[in-house]
Amino acid sequence: MRRPRIYLAAPLFTAGERDLNATIRDALAVHCDVYLPQEDGALLAEAIERGDDPEVASRYVFDCDVTALRDCDILLIVLNGRTVDEGAAFELGVAWALGKICVAYKDDPRQLLALGDNPMITQSVRTVFRKIEPLVEWAASCAWLDREGVPSFFEDAAHMPPSGAD
């Protein structure tokens, strides 16, 4: 059986955010291949600093990350912060629409809404892990595979996105 591929969608603009992302990646790397955009993709700020045309650099970042989303089995979104990072939210939406397994990690009590995080985010993920260890155990367990060993997103038809416009 091949190793599962996880796309780690997370804020990556501060040293603390990048450190948490690397910690999560390192913990999961024992069991999975992890695409970490801050290291495996392209960063817009770095491309512009090099003198790349901003429009060309933006397209390249977008294309790299969307290709990685298509190739992943699982999307893991980090929900830390008062609101979700907008790039990570977009990546979650793309992964969900592609039928990928989506889970979240959040060890931060801050949230925008009194009832919790935005339901468009929370309803897109199977579960929210509050610690790294249970996340790693879940990834190692292959609990996300169906009986044939294929990544399985939909637990039942009620969670299926519409197949086409009415």
Foldseek 3Di string as FASTA:
>chain_A
DDAAEEEEQADDDDPVRVVVLVVLCVLQVVGHHYDYCVPNADDQVVCVVVVHDSVVSVVRRVVRLLVSLLVGQEYEYEQEDQAGDPRSLVSLVSNLLSLHAYEYEYQHPHYPDPVGHDCVVVVSHPYYHNDSVVVNVVSNVLPQADPVRHRHRDPDPVSDDDPDDD
